[in-house]
Protein backbone atom coordinates (compact mmCIF):
# COMPACT_ATOMS: atom_id res chain seq x y z
CA UNK A 1 -23.81 2.57 -18.02
CA UNK A 2 -21.79 5.59 -16.85
CA UNK A 3 -22.94 9.12 -16.70
CA UNK A 4 -22.93 11.41 -19.74
CA UNK A 5 -20.34 14.16 -19.27
CA UNK A 6 -20.65 15.82 -22.60
CA UNK A 7 -21.94 19.02 -21.11
CA UNK A 8 -19.49 18.97 -18.21
CA UNK A 9 -17.02 21.86 -18.79
CA UNK A 10 -14.13 19.73 -17.44
CA UNK A 11 -15.04 16.07 -17.65
CA UNK A 12 -16.46 16.62 -21.10
CA UNK A 13 -13.09 17.48 -22.38
CA UNK A 14 -11.20 14.43 -20.97
CA UNK A 15 -11.06 11.06 -22.55
CA UNK A 16 -13.12 9.34 -19.75
CA UNK A 17 -15.15 7.46 -22.35
CA UNK A 18 -12.02 5.44 -23.18
CA UNK A 19 -11.91 4.29 -19.50
CA UNK A 20 -15.75 3.46 -19.39
CA UNK A 21 -15.63 1.47 -22.59
CA UNK A 22 -12.55 -0.66 -21.65
CA UNK A 23 -13.47 -3.39 -19.17
CA UNK A 24 -9.81 -3.53 -17.99
CA UNK A 25 -9.99 0.25 -17.25
CA UNK A 26 -13.50 0.72 -15.80
CA UNK A 27 -12.14 0.60 -12.25
CA UNK A 28 -10.44 4.06 -13.03
CA UNK A 29 -13.76 5.34 -14.08
CA UNK A 30 -15.22 4.36 -10.77
CA UNK A 31 -12.51 6.45 -9.08
CA UNK A 32 -13.33 9.47 -11.32
CA UNK A 33 -17.00 9.31 -10.35
CA UNK A 34 -16.17 10.02 -6.69
CA UNK A 35 -14.01 13.03 -7.17
CA UNK A 36 -14.68 16.46 -8.52
CA UNK A 37 -12.81 17.99 -11.50
CA UNK A 38 -11.67 21.54 -11.92
CA UNK A 39 -9.65 23.21 -14.78
CA UNK A 40 -6.44 25.13 -14.02
CA UNK A 41 -5.55 28.17 -16.12
CA UNK A 42 -1.80 28.66 -16.41
CA UNK A 43 -0.43 31.92 -15.48
CA UNK A 44 2.52 32.26 -17.84
CA UNK A 45 4.23 30.25 -20.70
CA UNK A 46 6.80 28.68 -18.20
CA UNK A 47 3.97 27.15 -16.07
CA UNK A 48 4.21 23.42 -16.95
CA UNK A 49 1.41 22.34 -14.56
CA UNK A 50 -0.45 19.33 -15.76
CA UNK A 51 -2.58 17.98 -12.90
CA UNK A 52 -3.10 17.67 -9.13
CA UNK A 53 -5.13 15.83 -6.62
CA UNK A 54 -6.10 17.76 -3.61
CA UNK A 55 -8.81 18.33 -0.90
CA UNK A 56 -11.00 21.28 -1.88
CA UNK A 57 -9.95 23.18 -4.99
CA UNK A 58 -6.10 23.02 -4.81
CA UNK A 59 -4.93 26.51 -5.18
CA UNK A 60 -2.12 26.67 -7.63
CA UNK A 61 0.07 29.81 -8.40
CA UNK A 62 3.05 29.79 -11.01
CA UNK A 63 2.82 25.98 -11.24
CA UNK A 64 3.03 25.60 -7.48
CA UNK A 65 0.51 24.98 -4.69
CA UNK A 66 -0.32 28.00 -2.62
CA UNK A 67 -0.04 26.75 0.98
CA UNK A 68 -1.42 29.87 2.57
CA UNK A 69 -4.49 29.65 0.45
CA UNK A 70 -4.74 25.93 1.05
CA UNK A 71 -5.11 26.45 4.79
CA UNK A 72 -8.27 28.53 4.13
CA UNK A 73 -10.09 25.56 2.68
CA UNK A 74 -13.03 25.00 5.08
CA UNK A 75 -14.45 21.71 6.25
CA UNK A 76 -17.39 22.19 4.00
CA UNK A 77 -15.09 22.56 0.93
CA UNK A 78 -13.10 19.49 1.68
CA UNK A 79 -14.06 17.68 -1.65
CA UNK A 80 -11.60 15.35 -3.12
CA UNK A 81 -10.58 17.06 -6.38
CA UNK A 82 -8.58 16.43 -9.61
CA UNK A 83 -7.38 19.60 -10.97
CA UNK A 84 -6.14 19.48 -14.61
CA UNK A 85 -4.73 22.00 -17.06
CA UNK A 86 -7.13 21.19 -20.02
CA UNK A 87 -5.30 23.30 -22.58
CA UNK A 88 -1.98 21.68 -22.03
CA UNK A 89 -3.27 18.19 -21.42
CA UNK A 90 -5.15 18.40 -24.89
CA UNK A 91 -1.84 18.57 -26.59
CA UNK A 92 -0.90 14.99 -25.51
CA UNK A 93 -2.21 11.92 -27.55
CA UNK A 94 -5.21 10.17 -25.88
CA UNK A 95 -3.28 7.21 -24.46
CA UNK A 96 -0.88 9.59 -22.82
CA UNK A 97 -3.70 11.75 -21.49
CA UNK A 98 -5.15 8.54 -19.94
CA UNK A 99 -1.76 7.70 -18.40
CA UNK A 100 -1.79 11.09 -16.65
CA UNK A 101 -5.36 10.65 -15.52
CA UNK A 102 -4.69 7.10 -14.28
CA UNK A 103 -1.74 8.48 -12.28
CA UNK A 104 -4.04 10.95 -10.50
CA UNK A 105 -6.38 8.08 -9.72
CA UNK A 106 -3.54 6.34 -8.13
CA UNK A 107 -3.00 9.23 -5.74
CA UNK A 108 -6.82 9.40 -5.07
CA UNK A 109 -6.70 5.80 -3.96
CA UNK A 110 -3.47 6.29 -1.97
CA UNK A 111 -4.88 9.56 -0.33
CA UNK A 112 -6.18 8.04 2.82
CA UNK A 113 -3.24 5.51 3.50
CA UNK A 114 -0.32 7.81 4.29
CA UNK A 115 0.69 11.28 5.36
CA UNK A 116 3.35 12.68 2.92
CA UNK A 117 4.08 15.61 5.41
CA UNK A 118 5.58 13.13 8.03
CA UNK A 119 8.81 12.75 5.80
CA UNK A 120 11.73 15.07 6.15
CA UNK A 121 11.62 15.75 2.55
CA UNK A 122 8.00 15.80 1.04
CA UNK A 123 9.63 16.52 -2.35
CA UNK A 124 11.72 13.38 -2.18
CA UNK A 125 8.72 11.32 -1.00
CA UNK A 126 6.64 12.62 -3.82
CA UNK A 127 9.26 11.48 -6.40
CA UNK A 128 9.35 8.03 -4.71
CA UNK A 129 5.56 7.53 -4.94
CA UNK A 130 5.27 8.99 -8.45
CA UNK A 131 7.94 6.57 -9.65
CA UNK A 132 6.24 3.55 -8.08
CA UNK A 133 2.79 4.60 -9.37
CA UNK A 134 4.14 5.06 -12.96
CA UNK A 135 6.03 1.88 -12.94
CA UNK A 136 3.09 -0.29 -11.95
CA UNK A 137 0.77 1.57 -14.29
CA UNK A 138 3.00 0.68 -17.28
CA UNK A 139 3.43 -2.92 -16.00
CA UNK A 140 -0.18 -3.38 -15.50
CA UNK A 141 -1.77 -1.41 -18.33
CA UNK A 142 1.07 -0.80 -20.78
CA UNK A 143 -1.19 -1.73 -23.71
CA UNK A 144 -3.86 0.81 -22.86
CA UNK A 145 -1.80 3.63 -21.46
CA UNK A 146 1.39 5.24 -22.76
CA UNK A 147 3.95 7.14 -20.71
CA UNK A 148 3.63 10.80 -21.69
CA UNK A 149 6.35 12.48 -23.82
CA UNK A 150 7.70 16.09 -23.66
CA UNK A 151 9.68 17.37 -26.78
CA UNK A 152 9.96 13.81 -27.98
CA UNK A 153 11.38 12.15 -24.88
CA UNK A 154 9.58 10.02 -22.44
CA UNK A 155 8.61 11.79 -19.17
CA UNK A 156 6.93 10.74 -15.94
CA UNK A 157 9.50 9.39 -13.42
CA UNK A 158 9.70 5.63 -12.97
CA UNK A 159 11.66 3.34 -10.73
CA UNK A 160 13.41 2.37 -13.89
CA UNK A 161 14.43 5.89 -14.87
CA UNK A 162 15.76 6.56 -11.32
CA UNK A 163 17.93 3.47 -11.63
CA UNK A 164 18.98 4.28 -15.13
CA UNK A 165 20.04 7.84 -14.01
CA UNK A 166 21.82 6.54 -10.99
CA UNK A 167 19.61 8.23 -8.40
CA UNK A 168 18.94 4.86 -6.71
CA UNK A 169 20.95 1.60 -6.63
CA UNK A 170 19.01 -1.68 -6.43
CA UNK A 171 18.54 -4.98 -8.35
CA UNK A 172 14.86 -5.07 -7.31
CA UNK A 173 12.04 -4.22 -9.69
CA UNK A 174 9.20 -1.80 -8.79
CA UNK A 175 6.96 -4.68 -7.98
CA UNK A 176 9.61 -5.64 -5.08
CA UNK A 177 9.87 -2.21 -3.73
CA UNK A 178 7.90 0.21 -1.61
CA UNK A 179 8.02 3.99 -1.77
CA UNK A 180 9.71 4.19 1.66
CA UNK A 181 12.66 1.97 0.22
CA UNK A 182 12.85 4.21 -2.78
CA UNK A 183 12.79 7.29 -0.49
CA UNK A 184 15.63 5.93 1.59
CA UNK A 185 17.77 5.09 -1.48
CA UNK A 186 17.16 8.55 -2.85
CA UNK A 187 18.31 10.10 0.46
CA UNK A 188 21.48 7.88 0.83
CA UNK A 189 22.45 8.89 -2.70
CA UNK A 190 22.06 12.63 -1.82
CA UNK A 191 23.88 12.17 1.45
CA UNK A 192 26.86 10.67 -0.51
CA UNK A 193 26.93 12.92 -3.55
CA UNK A 194 25.27 16.07 -2.42
CA UNK A 195 22.04 17.61 -3.88
CA UNK A 196 24.12 19.20 -6.73
CA UNK A 197 24.93 15.82 -8.27
CA UNK A 198 27.99 15.92 -10.38
CA UNK A 199 29.50 14.79 -13.61
CA UNK A 200 26.64 16.39 -15.58
CA UNK A 201 24.02 14.03 -13.95
CA UNK A 202 20.58 15.49 -13.45
CA UNK A 203 19.75 16.18 -9.79
CA UNK A 204 16.36 15.33 -8.30
CA UNK A 205 15.36 18.94 -8.74
CA UNK A 206 16.11 18.66 -12.45
CA UNK A 207 13.70 15.74 -12.62
CA UNK A 208 10.77 18.00 -11.55
CA UNK A 209 9.92 18.74 -15.12
CA UNK A 210 9.43 15.03 -15.86
CA UNK A 211 6.74 14.66 -13.29
CA UNK A 212 3.08 14.15 -14.11
CA UNK A 213 1.85 16.47 -11.39
CA UNK A 214 2.33 18.84 -8.66
CA UNK A 215 1.43 17.57 -5.14
CA UNK A 216 -1.05 19.04 -2.82
CA UNK A 217 0.15 19.16 0.84
CA UNK A 218 -3.37 18.88 1.96
CA UNK A 219 -3.68 15.37 0.60
CA UNK A 220 -3.49 13.38 3.82
CA UNK A 221 -5.87 11.15 5.73
CA UNK A 222 -6.52 13.98 8.33
CA UNK A 223 -8.11 16.25 5.82
CA UNK A 224 -10.23 13.65 3.99
CA UNK A 225 -13.89 13.37 5.00
CA UNK A 226 -14.71 10.03 6.68
CA UNK A 227 -17.26 9.11 4.03
CA UNK A 228 -14.64 9.58 1.26
CA UNK A 229 -12.15 7.45 3.22
CA UNK A 230 -14.68 4.73 3.71
CA UNK A 231 -15.73 4.84 -0.01
CA UNK A 232 -11.97 4.62 -1.04
CA UNK A 233 -11.29 1.73 1.24
CA UNK A 234 -14.37 -0.14 0.03
CA UNK A 235 -13.21 0.43 -3.56
CA UNK A 236 -9.76 -0.92 -2.72
CA UNK A 237 -11.12 -4.09 -0.95
CA UNK A 238 -13.45 -4.96 -3.74
CA UNK A 239 -10.70 -4.39 -6.28
CA UNK A 240 -8.38 -6.58 -4.20
CA UNK A 241 -11.13 -9.37 -4.38
CA UNK A 242 -11.11 -9.00 -8.24
CA UNK A 243 -14.51 -7.34 -8.21
CA UNK A 244 -13.37 -5.17 -11.17
CA UNK A 245 -11.41 -7.99 -12.73
CA UNK A 246 -8.10 -9.48 -12.15
CA UNK A 247 -6.20 -6.75 -13.95
CA UNK A 248 -7.57 -4.07 -11.44
CA UNK A 249 -7.10 -6.42 -8.51
CA UNK A 250 -3.36 -6.80 -9.35
CA UNK A 251 -2.95 -3.14 -9.86
CA UNK A 252 -4.49 -2.36 -6.44
CA UNK A 253 -2.46 -4.98 -4.58
CA UNK A 254 0.72 -3.43 -5.98
CA UNK A 255 -0.59 0.03 -5.15
CA UNK A 256 -1.08 -0.86 -1.57
CA UNK A 257 2.41 -2.20 -1.57
CA UNK A 258 3.69 1.26 -2.46
CA UNK A 259 2.95 2.76 0.85
CA UNK A 260 3.17 -0.43 3.03
CA UNK A 261 5.77 -0.32 5.72
CA UNK A 262 6.66 -4.06 6.63
CA UNK A 263 6.79 -4.76 10.32
CA UNK A 264 10.16 -6.28 11.06
CA UNK A 265 8.98 -9.66 12.52
CA UNK A 266 12.62 -10.93 12.22
CA UNK A 267 13.99 -8.45 14.67
CA UNK A 268 11.45 -9.28 17.28
CA UNK A 269 11.33 -13.00 16.83
CA UNK A 270 14.81 -14.04 16.16
CA UNK A 271 16.11 -13.17 19.67
CA UNK A 272 13.24 -14.95 21.16
CA UNK A 273 13.47 -18.15 19.00
CA UNK A 274 17.19 -18.45 18.65
CA UNK A 275 19.25 -18.27 21.83
CA UNK A 276 22.26 -19.91 23.41
CA UNK A 277 21.87 -21.89 26.55
CA UNK A 278 24.94 -21.85 28.91
CA UNK A 279 25.48 -25.24 30.64
CA UNK A 280 27.16 -24.90 34.04
CA UNK A 281 26.86 -28.59 35.04
CA UNK A 282 30.23 -29.50 33.83
CA UNK A 283 33.32 -27.63 32.58
CA UNK A 284 34.95 -27.86 29.26
CA UNK A 285 38.08 -30.01 29.37
CA UNK A 286 39.83 -28.02 26.76
CA UNK A 287 39.40 -24.52 28.38
CA UNK A 288 40.43 -23.92 31.93
CA UNK A 289 41.14 -20.69 33.75
CA UNK A 290 42.89 -21.44 37.10
CA UNK A 291 40.21 -23.00 39.10
CA UNK A 292 37.32 -21.71 37.24
CA UNK A 293 35.81 -23.22 34.03
CA UNK A 294 34.22 -21.92 30.80
CA UNK A 295 30.65 -23.30 30.50
CA UNK A 296 29.80 -25.20 27.42
CA UNK A 297 27.18 -23.68 25.12
CA UNK A 298 24.62 -25.28 22.96
CA UNK A 299 21.86 -24.03 20.78
CA UNK A 300 18.33 -24.97 21.94
CA UNK A 301 16.38 -27.20 19.65
CA UNK A 302 12.85 -25.63 19.10
CA UNK A 303 9.76 -25.83 16.95
CA UNK A 304 7.38 -23.07 15.92
CA UNK A 305 3.80 -23.25 15.40
CA UNK A 306 1.93 -20.20 13.93
CA UNK A 307 -1.53 -18.83 13.34
CA UNK A 308 -2.86 -16.11 10.93
CA UNK A 309 -6.07 -14.33 11.34
CA UNK A 310 -7.70 -14.25 8.00
CA UNK A 311 -10.72 -12.02 8.86
CA UNK A 312 -9.26 -9.33 6.74
CA UNK A 313 -7.72 -6.72 9.08
CA UNK A 314 -4.31 -8.46 8.97
CA UNK A 315 -4.09 -8.84 5.27
CA UNK A 316 -1.57 -5.93 4.94
CA UNK A 317 1.09 -7.82 6.98
CA UNK A 318 0.23 -11.42 6.08
CA UNK A 319 2.72 -11.66 3.23
CA UNK A 320 5.61 -10.38 5.39
CA UNK A 321 4.56 -12.54 8.33
CA UNK A 322 4.18 -15.69 6.34
CA UNK A 323 7.41 -15.03 4.47
CA UNK A 324 9.47 -14.74 7.59
CA UNK A 325 7.82 -18.02 8.95
CA UNK A 326 8.38 -20.00 5.84
CA UNK A 327 12.17 -19.11 5.91
CA UNK A 328 12.39 -20.86 9.39
CA UNK A 329 13.62 -24.39 9.29
CA UNK A 330 11.79 -24.96 12.65
CA UNK A 331 8.34 -24.07 11.39
CA UNK A 332 5.96 -27.04 11.85
CA UNK A 333 2.64 -25.77 11.03
CA UNK A 334 0.55 -22.65 10.23
CA UNK A 335 -3.18 -22.43 11.11
CA UNK A 336 -5.45 -20.02 9.12
CA UNK A 337 -8.36 -18.85 11.29
CA UNK A 338 -11.35 -16.55 11.31
CA UNK A 339 -14.20 -17.68 13.65
CA UNK A 340 -12.68 -21.28 13.31
CA UNK A 341 -9.56 -22.95 11.87
CA UNK A 342 -10.16 -22.87 8.09
CA UNK A 343 -6.86 -24.45 6.98
CA UNK A 344 -3.79 -26.07 8.49
CA UNK A 345 -0.55 -26.17 6.61
CA UNK A 346 2.04 -28.59 7.78
CA UNK A 347 5.79 -28.72 6.87
CA UNK A 348 6.47 -30.41 3.61
CA UNK A 349 3.01 -29.80 2.11
CA UNK A 350 2.16 -27.43 -0.81
CA UNK A 351 1.60 -23.94 0.61
CA UNK A 352 -2.11 -22.87 0.39
CA UNK A 353 -3.42 -19.51 -0.63
CA UNK A 354 -4.64 -17.52 2.17
CA UNK A 355 -8.22 -16.31 1.60
CA UNK A 356 -9.12 -13.09 3.40
CA UNK A 357 -12.63 -11.77 4.00
CA UNK A 358 -14.84 -10.11 6.49
CA UNK A 359 -16.49 -11.31 9.61
CA UNK A 360 -15.20 -11.98 13.02
CA UNK A 361 -12.30 -13.92 14.62
CA UNK A 362 -12.14 -16.45 17.45
CA UNK A 363 -8.79 -17.80 18.50
CA UNK A 364 -9.92 -20.45 20.94
CA UNK A 365 -9.89 -23.37 18.49
CA UNK A 366 -6.24 -22.56 17.68
CA UNK A 367 -5.14 -21.93 21.26
CA UNK A 368 -6.87 -25.23 22.41
CA UNK A 369 -4.93 -26.98 19.66
CA UNK A 370 -1.68 -25.38 20.81
CA UNK A 371 -2.48 -26.37 24.33
CA UNK A 372 -2.73 -30.01 23.23
CA UNK A 373 0.51 -29.80 21.24
CA UNK A 374 2.37 -28.46 24.21
CA UNK A 375 1.07 -31.35 26.47
CA UNK A 376 2.51 -33.82 23.99
CA UNK A 377 5.64 -32.12 23.32
CA UNK A 378 7.85 -34.30 25.63
CA UNK A 379 10.34 -31.70 26.48
CA UNK A 380 10.91 -30.04 23.14
CA UNK A 381 11.11 -26.24 23.32
CA UNK A 382 8.07 -24.94 21.56
CA UNK A 383 7.23 -21.38 20.33
CA UNK A 384 3.72 -20.24 19.51
CA UNK A 385 3.13 -17.04 17.35
CA UNK A 386 -0.01 -15.45 16.14
CA UNK A 387 -0.83 -12.50 14.07
CA UNK A 388 -4.43 -11.04 14.64
CA UNK A 389 -6.26 -7.69 15.11
CA UNK A 390 -7.12 -8.60 18.62
CA UNK A 391 -10.75 -8.16 18.16
CA UNK A 392 -11.79 -11.50 19.47
CA UNK A 393 -13.76 -13.32 22.36
CA UNK A 394 -12.07 -14.07 25.55
CA UNK A 395 -9.43 -16.78 25.36
CA UNK A 396 -10.24 -19.87 27.54
CA UNK A 397 -7.55 -22.14 26.32
CA UNK A 398 -3.82 -21.80 25.34
CA UNK A 399 -0.19 -23.04 26.06
CA UNK A 400 0.89 -22.55 29.63
CA UNK A 401 4.53 -23.14 29.65
CA UNK A 402 5.79 -22.40 26.20
CA UNK A 403 6.71 -18.95 24.66
CA UNK A 404 3.65 -17.33 22.99
CA UNK A 405 3.87 -14.15 21.02
CA UNK A 406 0.67 -12.50 19.77
CA UNK A 407 1.06 -9.70 17.23
CA UNK A 408 -1.88 -7.33 17.38
CA UNK A 409 -2.87 -4.49 15.09
CA UNK A 410 -5.62 -3.23 17.38
CA UNK A 411 -6.26 -4.89 20.94
CA UNK A 412 -4.04 -6.81 23.23
CA UNK A 413 -4.92 -10.58 23.55
CA UNK A 414 -4.78 -11.82 27.13
CA UNK A 415 -4.83 -15.49 28.40
CA UNK A 416 -5.14 -15.79 32.06
CA UNK A 417 -4.03 -19.35 32.08
CA UNK A 418 -0.53 -18.61 30.83
CA UNK A 419 2.39 -18.95 33.22
CA UNK A 420 4.61 -16.91 31.04
CA UNK A 421 6.58 -16.23 28.89
CA UNK A 422 3.61 -14.71 27.02
CA UNK A 423 3.58 -11.37 25.25
CA UNK A 424 1.60 -9.05 23.06
CA UNK A 425 3.51 -7.12 20.42
CA UNK A 426 1.67 -4.14 18.83
CA UNK A 427 2.10 -3.54 15.10
CA UNK A 428 2.04 0.32 14.99
CA UNK A 429 -0.13 2.03 12.40
CA UNK A 430 1.66 3.86 9.49
């Protein structure tokens, strides 16, 4: 049972019971229980403010956030808040009100994952994030939520609306994009055409009236209390494990992808895996330059063996890592590992689903397996590559003569028995 908010001056006027009574939407109710709610009173008739998520009470003036007042919010006042314009919100049908509230819940869940102020244009970044949140809300909960309307036209920027109005050009759907990709496309379009647009087309600034909310510049991980960040991360992990049902799990997995910046495994590994060997032992009979000769070139045959840490901390990059590996014709096998090897996929077999969880990691079983593979390689060039958080016991086994690359999200992984080439590659935090 959820709390009775009938006497709450703000929550009591919101359609929260519709979230609480719908099993597919109860996850959003869990979000609303960890934040404070406040009412915003508009200053004038032109003020079209609807909602905002912020740290402390987000100060709003003339529909915009007051940054000077925002900086006065003390440590003690850093409560994660949803501020809503109750009078204006009440004019929308219930399902459209729910869409707006669910949109704010999306910002709550993303609040500890990315700093919006690190981008050259926070306004452009906010549009990119809003479009992704709205698109996945509609694709995930279209039956229960409705895109809100202003003067009879659908509002709330989506990836599809940006494409239809020519602000971005892509064949990808919202599910296949992240906000940074949308941001870059918006920037490219503005750089080509200028901010003024042209041909009667609406500019990004013109789209501001279609947005669900204004954005609080305080909403970044540095300003969130640690207990709030831990609570949100726990909710995200539980949702991804379908603790709130598969619909909420699918929504959260898509939500994480919005702000995930994929590490470019290809640019690191391709030059290592694929290189040309110059053979100076004999010259080419077809090409001669006086007494010199042009060496023959040949591609080196190689095989790739990989390992993925499934203890949980690498889950954000796992899809990208595995996608790169599975596109390699030379991939032979992938080991899934936590404190031991849990699965081994070999070329030609159906690909298993990686199961991520808590607990620790020990790479020694994998590295001992690789040491044995290297010993029986019979001269074939071998490459070994691992993705781990690096929080592991000391390595006592491993390949000695083959190229070994360990991608780490936290700590370096050292193997004293390696005679190089052996390298750690750090995956930077967002």
